[in-house]
Amino acid sequence: MTRWYEGPLAAFDTETTGVDVEGDRIVSAALVVQDMAGARPRVTRWLIDPGVPVPPAATGIHGLTDDFLHRNGRWPAPAVEEMARALAEQCAAGRPLVVMNAPFDLTLLDRELRRHRASSLGRHLENVPLCVLDPRVLDKHLDRYRKGRRTLTDLCAQYGVELEGAHDAAADALASLELVRAVGRRFASRMERLSAAELHALQAVWHAAQARGLQAWFSRNGTEESVDPAWPLRPEVPAAAA
């Protein structure tokens, strides 16, 4: 029987105007599908003109300028609809969806759907089984006492995964996919008896515990920052609280 980390996977990643899931916008995204470990990946890309200025800090990360996006990007509404349908198709096909720091990318896509389509990611996924594998959550649980940062770049270095062209959505998605496979292999004795669906449920519990721990650390250090325990998608913020 093929272990989940050697079998079919799909990975999704976005590049954005910033890190606020409620207000920032998607400027590029990619979906990478691989039928088995070592197989040639299939890549779908989206480039979007977000309709708002791209801050210089964001351009400095992903290299996408206002001028480039105006000339080459698509209108957001049909693009985010295509993204949601593509993710739903992968879920319907039974492929686990790899998303590094899933509450960011999936929540941002959800907010874009609400903004441009009066829809939601949940509406697209209501009839298909969502199964997400988040390498950040997996690594933090499986190797919780290791010191150091756990960005995609750091994790790729830790697990020996090649990341060529960081902050390109397709490159990051492919690296996340290979990273999940590497995590599965390294911790095979703890992972191989679990299905991807079981891991999805466990990650929600693990992420909530990780969030509580980080929140406690912030409180001890006098940092007024809140950590959302929801995974893999944050609930919609009521209009009065937004």
Protein backbone atom coordinates (compact mmCIF):
# COMPACT_ATOMS: atom_id res chain seq x y z
CA MET A 1 0.00 0.00 0.00
CA THR A 2 1.35 3.41 -0.98
CA ARG A 3 2.03 5.65 1.99
CA TRP A 4 0.28 9.02 1.84
CA TYR A 5 3.56 10.92 1.56
CA GLU A 6 4.60 8.90 -1.49
CA GLY A 7 1.25 9.12 -3.25
CA PRO A 8 -0.67 11.83 -5.12
CA LEU A 9 -0.52 15.34 -3.69
CA ALA A 10 -1.49 18.85 -4.80
CA ALA A 11 0.00 22.06 -3.42
CA PHE A 12 -1.31 25.63 -3.41
CA ASP A 13 0.52 28.89 -2.73
CA THR A 14 -0.14 32.62 -3.11
CA GLU A 15 1.89 35.81 -3.31
CA THR A 16 0.13 38.85 -1.91
CA THR A 17 0.11 42.58 -1.20
CA GLY A 18 0.78 41.93 2.50
CA VAL A 19 0.12 39.69 5.48
CA ASP A 20 -3.36 40.83 6.56
CA VAL A 21 -5.79 38.13 5.45
CA GLU A 22 -8.75 40.45 5.94
CA GLY A 23 -7.51 43.34 3.81
CA ASP A 24 -4.64 42.28 1.58
CA ARG A 25 -4.97 40.86 -1.92
CA ILE A 26 -3.63 37.99 -4.00
CA VAL A 27 -1.31 39.03 -6.84
CA SER A 28 -0.22 35.58 -7.96
CA ALA A 29 -1.00 31.97 -7.13
CA ALA A 30 -0.10 28.49 -8.26
CA LEU A 31 -1.42 24.96 -7.98
CA VAL A 32 1.07 22.12 -8.38
CA VAL A 33 -0.20 18.55 -8.84
CA GLN A 34 1.98 15.45 -8.60
CA ASP A 35 0.56 11.96 -9.09
CA MET A 36 3.27 10.24 -7.04
CA ALA A 37 6.66 10.98 -5.53
CA GLY A 38 9.18 11.70 -8.29
CA ALA A 39 6.53 12.20 -10.98
CA ARG A 40 6.58 15.25 -13.22
CA PRO A 41 4.50 18.01 -11.59
CA ARG A 42 1.70 19.79 -13.42
CA VAL A 43 1.53 23.51 -12.70
CA THR A 44 -1.33 26.00 -13.04
CA ARG A 45 -0.51 29.68 -12.48
CA TRP A 46 -2.58 32.80 -11.93
CA LEU A 47 -1.37 36.40 -12.20
CA ILE A 48 -3.75 39.07 -10.90
CA ASP A 49 -4.03 42.84 -11.08
CA PRO A 50 -5.35 43.33 -7.53
CA GLY A 51 -6.94 46.73 -8.16
CA VAL A 52 -5.00 48.27 -5.26
CA PRO A 53 -1.39 49.48 -5.06
CA VAL A 54 1.22 46.85 -4.24
CA PRO A 55 3.32 48.14 -1.31
CA PRO A 56 7.06 48.41 -2.02
CA ALA A 57 7.74 45.97 0.82
CA ALA A 58 5.62 43.31 -0.89
CA THR A 59 7.21 43.98 -4.29
CA GLY A 60 10.59 43.61 -2.62
CA ILE A 61 9.63 40.06 -1.62
CA HIS A 62 7.98 38.66 -4.76
CA GLY A 63 9.19 41.17 -7.38
CA LEU A 64 5.72 41.92 -8.80
CA THR A 65 5.23 45.63 -9.48
CA ASP A 66 2.06 47.64 -10.07
CA ASP A 67 3.06 48.29 -13.68
CA PHE A 68 3.77 44.62 -14.40
CA LEU A 69 0.50 43.49 -12.85
CA HIS A 70 -1.51 46.19 -14.66
CA ARG A 71 -0.06 45.03 -17.99
CA ASN A 72 -0.15 41.28 -17.41
CA GLY A 73 -2.52 40.49 -14.55
CA ARG A 74 -6.12 39.36 -14.81
CA TRP A 75 -9.17 40.81 -13.13
CA PRO A 76 -9.45 39.18 -9.67
CA ALA A 77 -13.06 37.89 -9.81
CA PRO A 78 -12.69 35.13 -12.42
CA ALA A 79 -9.19 34.23 -11.25
CA VAL A 80 -10.12 33.57 -7.62
CA GLU A 81 -13.18 31.63 -8.79
CA GLU A 82 -10.88 29.43 -10.90
CA MET A 83 -8.58 28.90 -7.91
CA ALA A 84 -11.44 27.77 -5.69
CA ARG A 85 -12.79 25.41 -8.35
CA ALA A 86 -9.32 23.98 -8.92
CA LEU A 87 -8.87 23.27 -5.21
CA ALA A 88 -12.31 21.67 -5.05
CA GLU A 89 -11.42 19.46 -8.02
CA GLN A 90 -8.29 18.23 -6.28
CA CYS A 91 -10.23 17.50 -3.11
CA ALA A 92 -12.91 15.67 -5.09
CA ALA A 93 -10.18 13.58 -6.73
CA GLY A 94 -8.94 12.58 -3.27
CA ARG A 95 -5.61 14.38 -3.47
CA PRO A 96 -4.44 15.86 -0.16
CA LEU A 97 -3.83 19.59 -0.52
CA VAL A 98 -0.45 20.83 0.73
CA VAL A 99 -0.53 24.44 1.93
CA MET A 100 2.33 25.96 3.90
CA ASN A 101 0.77 28.01 6.73
CA ALA A 102 -2.69 27.08 5.48
CA PRO A 103 -4.66 29.59 7.59
CA PHE A 104 -3.00 32.39 5.66
CA ASP A 105 -3.39 31.27 2.04
CA LEU A 106 -6.77 29.57 2.38
CA THR A 107 -8.27 32.38 4.46
CA LEU A 108 -6.99 35.01 2.04
CA LEU A 109 -8.54 33.13 -0.89
CA ASP A 110 -11.80 32.91 1.04
CA ARG A 111 -11.80 36.67 1.64
CA GLU A 112 -11.06 37.36 -2.01
CA LEU A 113 -14.02 35.17 -2.99
CA ARG A 114 -16.25 37.09 -0.59
CA ARG A 115 -14.92 40.41 -1.89
CA HIS A 116 -15.16 39.72 -5.62
CA ARG A 117 -17.71 36.91 -6.01
CA ALA A 118 -20.03 37.21 -2.97
CA SER A 119 -19.03 33.58 -2.38
CA SER A 120 -16.70 31.69 -0.05
CA LEU A 121 -14.17 28.89 -0.11
CA GLY A 122 -16.44 26.84 2.11
CA ARG A 123 -19.20 27.05 -0.48
CA HIS A 124 -16.90 25.53 -3.09
CA LEU A 125 -15.77 22.78 -0.72
CA GLU A 126 -19.09 21.93 0.94
CA ASN A 127 -19.60 18.74 -1.10
CA VAL A 128 -16.00 17.50 -1.15
CA PRO A 129 -13.77 16.20 1.67
CA LEU A 130 -11.14 18.84 2.47
CA CYS A 131 -7.82 17.26 3.41
CA VAL A 132 -4.95 19.69 4.06
CA LEU A 133 -1.34 18.92 4.92
CA ASP A 134 0.52 21.90 6.38
CA PRO A 135 4.30 21.34 6.64
CA ARG A 136 4.63 24.10 9.23
CA VAL A 137 2.13 22.49 11.60
CA LEU A 138 3.53 19.01 11.00
CA ASP A 139 7.12 20.06 11.67
CA LYS A 140 6.23 22.08 14.79
CA HIS A 141 4.46 19.06 16.25
CA LEU A 142 6.90 16.35 15.21
CA ASP A 143 10.08 18.28 16.08
CA ARG A 144 8.67 20.71 18.64
CA TYR A 145 11.83 21.31 20.65
CA ARG A 146 14.09 22.24 17.72
CA LYS A 147 15.16 25.85 17.95
CA GLY A 148 15.11 28.27 15.03
CA ARG A 149 12.68 29.76 12.55
CA ARG A 150 10.24 27.63 10.58
CA THR A 151 9.70 29.58 7.39
CA LEU A 152 9.50 27.66 4.12
CA THR A 153 13.13 28.52 3.39
CA ASP A 154 14.24 27.34 6.84
CA LEU A 155 12.25 24.12 6.65
CA CYS A 156 13.54 23.30 3.19
CA ALA A 157 17.09 23.68 4.48
CA GLN A 158 16.27 21.52 7.50
CA TYR A 159 14.83 18.69 5.40
CA GLY A 160 17.15 18.95 2.41
CA VAL A 161 14.48 20.14 -0.03
CA GLU A 162 15.51 22.31 -2.97
CA LEU A 163 13.81 25.70 -3.09
CA GLU A 164 14.72 27.46 -6.31
CA GLY A 165 13.15 30.88 -6.86
CA ALA A 166 11.64 31.47 -3.41
CA HIS A 167 8.58 33.74 -3.31
CA ASP A 168 7.45 32.60 -6.72
CA ALA A 169 4.09 30.93 -6.08
CA ALA A 170 4.83 27.86 -8.22
CA ALA A 171 8.31 27.41 -6.75
CA ASP A 172 6.99 27.73 -3.20
CA ALA A 173 4.10 25.34 -3.87
CA LEU A 174 6.41 22.69 -5.33
CA ALA A 175 8.86 23.08 -2.43
CA SER A 176 5.98 22.76 0.08
CA LEU A 177 4.85 19.56 -1.63
CA GLU A 178 8.33 18.05 -1.53
CA LEU A 179 8.73 19.25 2.06
CA VAL A 180 5.63 17.34 3.18
CA ARG A 181 7.01 14.22 1.54
CA ALA A 182 10.34 14.76 3.34
CA VAL A 183 8.61 15.25 6.70
CA GLY A 184 6.64 12.05 6.13
CA ARG A 185 9.78 10.08 5.35
CA ARG A 186 11.77 11.45 8.30
CA PHE A 187 9.00 10.63 10.74
CA ALA A 188 7.74 7.52 8.96
CA SER A 189 7.53 5.51 12.19
CA ARG A 190 4.96 8.03 13.49
CA MET A 191 3.31 8.93 10.18
CA GLU A 192 2.89 5.85 8.02
CA ARG A 193 0.00 4.33 9.99
CA LEU A 194 -2.02 7.53 9.71
CA SER A 195 -4.08 8.43 6.67
CA ALA A 196 -3.97 11.93 5.24
CA ALA A 197 -7.56 12.42 6.43
CA GLU A 198 -6.58 11.45 9.98
CA LEU A 199 -3.65 13.86 9.79
CA HIS A 200 -5.99 16.66 8.69
CA ALA A 201 -8.03 16.21 11.86
CA LEU A 202 -4.94 15.94 14.04
CA GLN A 203 -3.37 19.08 12.60
CA ALA A 204 -6.37 21.15 13.67
CA VAL A 205 -5.74 20.00 17.26
CA TRP A 206 -1.97 20.47 17.00
CA HIS A 207 -2.28 23.95 15.52
CA ALA A 208 -4.69 25.03 18.27
CA ALA A 209 -2.21 23.82 20.90
CA GLN A 210 0.64 25.59 19.12
CA ALA A 211 -1.41 28.79 18.99
CA ARG A 212 -2.17 28.60 22.71
CA GLY A 213 1.51 28.16 23.47
CA LEU A 214 2.49 31.14 21.31
CA GLN A 215 -0.28 33.25 22.84
CA ALA A 216 0.99 32.44 26.31
CA TRP A 217 4.51 33.40 25.27
CA PHE A 218 3.24 36.74 23.92
CA SER A 219 1.39 37.37 27.19
CA ARG A 220 4.44 36.63 29.30
CA ASN A 221 6.48 39.06 27.21
CA GLY A 222 3.89 41.84 27.19
CA THR A 223 3.14 41.57 23.47
CA GLU A 224 -0.38 42.63 22.55
CA GLU A 225 -0.77 40.23 19.65
CA SER A 226 -3.48 37.62 19.28
CA VAL A 227 -2.94 34.20 17.73
CA ASP A 228 -5.87 32.59 15.93
CA PRO A 229 -6.20 28.88 16.81
CA ALA A 230 -8.37 28.09 13.76
CA TRP A 231 -6.92 25.75 11.12
CA PRO A 232 -6.90 25.38 8.13
CA LEU A 233 -9.33 28.25 7.54
CA ARG A 234 -10.12 31.16 9.85
CA PRO A 235 -13.79 32.00 10.36
CA GLU A 236 -15.15 35.16 8.80
CA VAL A 237 -14.73 38.24 10.96
CA PRO A 238 -18.09 39.95 11.66
CA ALA A 239 -18.40 43.30 9.89
CA ALA A 240 -18.55 45.21 13.18
CA ALA A 241 -15.29 43.66 14.30
CA ALA A 242 -13.42 44.00 11.00
